[in-house]
Amino acid sequence: MCGIIGYIGEKEAPEILINGLEKLEYRGYDSAGIAYCEHGKLMAVKAVGRIKELKKLTDGLHPDSTCGIGHTRWATHGKPTIANCHPHLSYGGKFAIVHNGIIENCRQLRLLCESRGISPVSDTDSELIAHLLEMYFEG
């Protein structure tokens, strides 16, 4: 079962996001990740397995970020891999998304992205949301 957390505040976002994901651990999942902004650039840290694996990757992180999103994933599209973990970043790095659910027309949306030169890196349907946001944001 997936879980989502978001944070906007005055403290460093990664630690708060990890703590929030730990509280969702009982729900069952196969991977987890967080996204936050560091020096004006979106960053994503992802791990397959337990939250403790993600925590190892974020230990010592002290970005200037005071906002972010986190996700625990239970695979519906694609195997539990780093590429399939959430959050997903858009092709230009302007958007980070987490998503629970299934996108019914994902095949058509994938083809649309590919027809515009955007190559999804995961097997998930959710990644397409990030690409579409950036594609239509740019006009």
C-alpha atoms as a PDB file:
ATOM      1  CA  MET A   1       0.000   0.000   0.000  1.00  0.00           C
ATOM      2  CA  CYS A   2       1.396   3.398  -0.956  1.00  0.00           C
ATOM      3  CA  GLY A   3       1.749   6.422   1.265  1.00  0.00           C
ATOM      4  CA  ILE A   4       2.439  10.081   0.542  1.00  0.00           C
ATOM      5  CA  ILE A   5       3.860  12.841   2.720  1.00  0.00           C
ATOM      6  CA  GLY A   6       4.537  16.490   1.993  1.00  0.00           C
ATOM      7  CA  TYR A   7       6.219  19.208   4.028  1.00  0.00           C
ATOM      8  CA  ILE A   8       6.541  22.986   3.835  1.00  0.00           C
ATOM      9  CA  GLY A   9       8.002  24.771   6.840  1.00  0.00           C
ATOM     10  CA  GLU A  10      11.113  26.186   8.415  1.00  0.00           C
ATOM     11  CA  LYS A  11      13.075  22.996   9.168  1.00  0.00           C
ATOM     12  CA  GLU A  12      15.188  20.863   6.831  1.00  0.00           C
ATOM     13  CA  ALA A  13      12.724  18.875   4.743  1.00  0.00           C
ATOM     14  CA  PRO A  14      14.563  15.533   4.226  1.00  0.00           C
ATOM     15  CA  GLU A  15      14.620  14.566   7.910  1.00  0.00           C
ATOM     16  CA  ILE A  16      10.942  15.423   8.367  1.00  0.00           C
ATOM     17  CA  LEU A  17       9.992  13.493   5.222  1.00  0.00           C
ATOM     18  CA  ILE A  18      11.944  10.401   6.325  1.00  0.00           C
ATOM     19  CA  ASN A  19      10.324  10.527   9.776  1.00  0.00           C
ATOM     20  CA  GLY A  20       6.906  10.762   8.160  1.00  0.00           C
ATOM     21  CA  LEU A  21       7.637   7.800   5.881  1.00  0.00           C
ATOM     22  CA  GLU A  22       8.731   5.767   8.905  1.00  0.00           C
ATOM     23  CA  LYS A  23       5.286   6.328  10.396  1.00  0.00           C
ATOM     24  CA  LEU A  24       3.777   4.838   7.207  1.00  0.00           C
ATOM     25  CA  GLU A  25       5.963   1.703   7.355  1.00  0.00           C
ATOM     26  CA  TYR A  26       3.258  -0.554   8.748  1.00  0.00           C
ATOM     27  CA  ARG A  27       1.249  -0.160   5.546  1.00  0.00           C
ATOM     28  CA  GLY A  28       3.530  -2.399   3.462  1.00  0.00           C
ATOM     29  CA  TYR A  29       5.608  -1.184   0.519  1.00  0.00           C
ATOM     30  CA  ASP A  30       8.549  -2.212  -1.665  1.00  0.00           C
ATOM     31  CA  SER A  31      10.429   1.067  -2.072  1.00  0.00           C
ATOM     32  CA  ALA A  32      10.509   4.662  -0.878  1.00  0.00           C
ATOM     33  CA  GLY A  33      11.881   8.033  -1.849  1.00  0.00           C
ATOM     34  CA  ILE A  34      11.903  11.754  -1.216  1.00  0.00           C
ATOM     35  CA  ALA A  35      12.279  14.857  -3.393  1.00  0.00           C
ATOM     36  CA  TYR A  36      13.361  18.283  -2.206  1.00  0.00           C
ATOM     37  CA  CYS A  37      14.848  21.450  -3.604  1.00  0.00           C
ATOM     38  CA  GLU A  38      18.528  22.192  -3.051  1.00  0.00           C
ATOM     39  CA  HIS A  39      20.014  25.456  -4.307  1.00  0.00           C
ATOM     40  CA  GLY A  40      17.092  25.867  -6.698  1.00  0.00           C
ATOM     41  CA  LYS A  41      17.354  22.348  -8.155  1.00  0.00           C
ATOM     42  CA  LEU A  42      15.000  19.436  -7.509  1.00  0.00           C
ATOM     43  CA  MET A  43      16.749  16.423  -6.018  1.00  0.00           C
ATOM     44  CA  ALA A  44      15.379  12.898  -5.547  1.00  0.00           C
ATOM     45  CA  VAL A  45      16.730  10.162  -3.292  1.00  0.00           C
ATOM     46  CA  LYS A  46      15.225   6.686  -3.699  1.00  0.00           C
ATOM     47  CA  ALA A  47      15.750   3.211  -2.269  1.00  0.00           C
ATOM     48  CA  VAL A  48      14.314  -0.253  -2.768  1.00  0.00           C
ATOM     49  CA  GLY A  49      13.339  -2.044   0.427  1.00  0.00           C
ATOM     50  CA  ARG A  50      12.770  -0.693   3.919  1.00  0.00           C
ATOM     51  CA  ILE A  51      12.861   2.964   4.965  1.00  0.00           C
ATOM     52  CA  LYS A  52      16.173   2.263   6.717  1.00  0.00           C
ATOM     53  CA  GLU A  53      17.755   1.891   3.244  1.00  0.00           C
ATOM     54  CA  LEU A  54      16.513   5.348   2.287  1.00  0.00           C
ATOM     55  CA  LYS A  55      17.670   6.689   5.628  1.00  0.00           C
ATOM     56  CA  LYS A  56      21.228   5.451   4.932  1.00  0.00           C
ATOM     57  CA  LEU A  57      21.258   7.449   1.704  1.00  0.00           C
ATOM     58  CA  THR A  58      20.019  10.629   3.409  1.00  0.00           C
ATOM     59  CA  ASP A  59      22.153  10.493   6.572  1.00  0.00           C
ATOM     60  CA  GLY A  60      24.265  13.611   6.678  1.00  0.00           C
ATOM     61  CA  LEU A  61      22.121  15.506   4.182  1.00  0.00           C
ATOM     62  CA  HIS A  62      21.662  19.094   5.264  1.00  0.00           C
ATOM     63  CA  PRO A  63      20.251  20.923   2.272  1.00  0.00           C
ATOM     64  CA  ASP A  64      18.821  24.406   2.389  1.00  0.00           C
ATOM     65  CA  SER A  65      15.446  22.879   1.537  1.00  0.00           C
ATOM     66  CA  THR A  66      12.399  23.567   3.664  1.00  0.00           C
ATOM     67  CA  CYS A  67       9.885  21.741   1.479  1.00  0.00           C
ATOM     68  CA  GLY A  68       9.571  18.368  -0.159  1.00  0.00           C
ATOM     69  CA  ILE A  69       7.528  15.257  -0.862  1.00  0.00           C
ATOM     70  CA  GLY A  70       7.943  11.597   0.035  1.00  0.00           C
ATOM     71  CA  HIS A  71       6.402   8.313  -1.020  1.00  0.00           C
ATOM     72  CA  THR A  72       6.276   4.653  -0.094  1.00  0.00           C
ATOM     73  CA  ARG A  73       5.445   2.480  -3.098  1.00  0.00           C
ATOM     74  CA  TRP A  74       3.700  -0.827  -3.618  1.00  0.00           C
ATOM     75  CA  ALA A  75       4.350  -1.739  -7.253  1.00  0.00           C
ATOM     76  CA  THR A  76       1.395  -1.762  -9.624  1.00  0.00           C
ATOM     77  CA  HIS A  77       3.310  -0.832 -12.807  1.00  0.00           C
ATOM     78  CA  GLY A  78       6.897  -2.006 -13.025  1.00  0.00           C
ATOM     79  CA  LYS A  79       9.059  -3.989 -10.637  1.00  0.00           C
ATOM     80  CA  PRO A  80      10.549  -2.600  -7.417  1.00  0.00           C
ATOM     81  CA  THR A  81      13.622  -0.821  -8.825  1.00  0.00           C
ATOM     82  CA  ILE A  82      15.273   2.543  -8.229  1.00  0.00           C
ATOM     83  CA  ALA A  83      14.005   3.773 -11.612  1.00  0.00           C
ATOM     84  CA  ASN A  84      10.428   2.871 -10.653  1.00  0.00           C
ATOM     85  CA  CYS A  85      10.575   4.401  -7.143  1.00  0.00           C
ATOM     86  CA  HIS A  86       8.754   7.640  -6.499  1.00  0.00           C
ATOM     87  CA  PRO A  87       9.180  10.612  -6.536  1.00  0.00           C
ATOM     88  CA  HIS A  88       9.568  10.988 -10.288  1.00  0.00           C
ATOM     89  CA  LEU A  89      11.186  14.049 -11.798  1.00  0.00           C
ATOM     90  CA  SER A  90      10.129  15.554 -15.103  1.00  0.00           C
ATOM     91  CA  TYR A  91      12.506  15.407 -18.060  1.00  0.00           C
ATOM     92  CA  GLY A  92      13.816  18.935 -17.397  1.00  0.00           C
ATOM     93  CA  GLY A  93      13.793  18.636 -13.625  1.00  0.00           C
ATOM     94  CA  LYS A  94      11.123  21.294 -13.071  1.00  0.00           C
ATOM     95  CA  PHE A  95       8.520  19.018 -11.470  1.00  0.00           C
ATOM     96  CA  ALA A  96       8.615  16.203  -8.902  1.00  0.00           C
ATOM     97  CA  ILE A  97       5.537  14.054  -8.354  1.00  0.00           C
ATOM     98  CA  VAL A  98       4.297  11.215  -6.187  1.00  0.00           C
ATOM     99  CA  HIS A  99       1.119   9.397  -7.105  1.00  0.00           C
ATOM    100  CA  ASN A 100      -1.097   6.643  -5.784  1.00  0.00           C
ATOM    101  CA  GLY A 101      -3.362   4.943  -8.249  1.00  0.00           C
ATOM    102  CA  ILE A 102      -3.443   3.698 -11.798  1.00  0.00           C
ATOM    103  CA  ILE A 103      -3.545   5.825 -14.932  1.00  0.00           C
ATOM    104  CA  GLU A 104      -5.854   3.971 -17.300  1.00  0.00           C
ATOM    105  CA  ASN A 105      -4.609   5.630 -20.499  1.00  0.00           C
ATOM    106  CA  CYS A 106      -0.910   5.412 -19.648  1.00  0.00           C
ATOM    107  CA  ARG A 107      -0.010   3.684 -22.932  1.00  0.00           C
ATOM    108  CA  GLN A 108      -1.407   6.602 -24.942  1.00  0.00           C
ATOM    109  CA  LEU A 109       0.273   9.135 -22.657  1.00  0.00           C
ATOM    110  CA  ARG A 110       3.621   7.330 -22.958  1.00  0.00           C
ATOM    111  CA  LEU A 111       3.288   7.446 -26.760  1.00  0.00           C
ATOM    112  CA  LEU A 112       2.464  11.172 -26.579  1.00  0.00           C
ATOM    113  CA  CYS A 113       5.572  11.850 -24.497  1.00  0.00           C
ATOM    114  CA  GLU A 114       7.749   9.762 -26.809  1.00  0.00           C
ATOM    115  CA  SER A 115       6.339  11.558 -29.875  1.00  0.00           C
ATOM    116  CA  ARG A 116       7.595  14.819 -28.324  1.00  0.00           C
ATOM    117  CA  GLY A 117      11.088  13.398 -27.729  1.00  0.00           C
ATOM    118  CA  ILE A 118      10.566  12.654 -24.035  1.00  0.00           C
ATOM    119  CA  SER A 119      11.913   9.244 -23.011  1.00  0.00           C
ATOM    120  CA  PRO A 120      10.457   7.956 -19.734  1.00  0.00           C
ATOM    121  CA  VAL A 121      13.096   6.227 -17.595  1.00  0.00           C
ATOM    122  CA  SER A 122      10.740   4.018 -15.577  1.00  0.00           C
ATOM    123  CA  ASP A 123       8.109   1.397 -16.236  1.00  0.00           C
ATOM    124  CA  THR A 124       5.572   3.288 -14.124  1.00  0.00           C
ATOM    125  CA  ASP A 125       2.513   5.122 -15.277  1.00  0.00           C
ATOM    126  CA  SER A 126       3.073   7.806 -12.614  1.00  0.00           C
ATOM    127  CA  GLU A 127       6.254   9.178 -14.174  1.00  0.00           C
ATOM    128  CA  LEU A 128       4.206  10.378 -17.130  1.00  0.00           C
ATOM    129  CA  ILE A 129       2.438  12.915 -14.893  1.00  0.00           C
ATOM    130  CA  ALA A 130       5.721  14.733 -14.237  1.00  0.00           C
ATOM    131  CA  HIS A 131       6.605  14.844 -17.931  1.00  0.00           C
ATOM    132  CA  LEU A 132       3.147  16.049 -18.946  1.00  0.00           C
ATOM    133  CA  LEU A 133       3.218  18.789 -16.315  1.00  0.00           C
ATOM    134  CA  GLU A 134       6.485  20.135 -17.675  1.00  0.00           C
ATOM    135  CA  MET A 135       5.452  19.680 -21.298  1.00  0.00           C
ATOM    136  CA  TYR A 136       2.251  21.691 -20.852  1.00  0.00           C
ATOM    137  CA  PHE A 137       3.813  24.164 -18.414  1.00  0.00           C
ATOM    138  CA  GLU A 138       6.303  25.146 -21.118  1.00  0.00           C
ATOM    139  CA  GLY A 139       3.470  25.405 -23.637  1.00  0.00           C
END
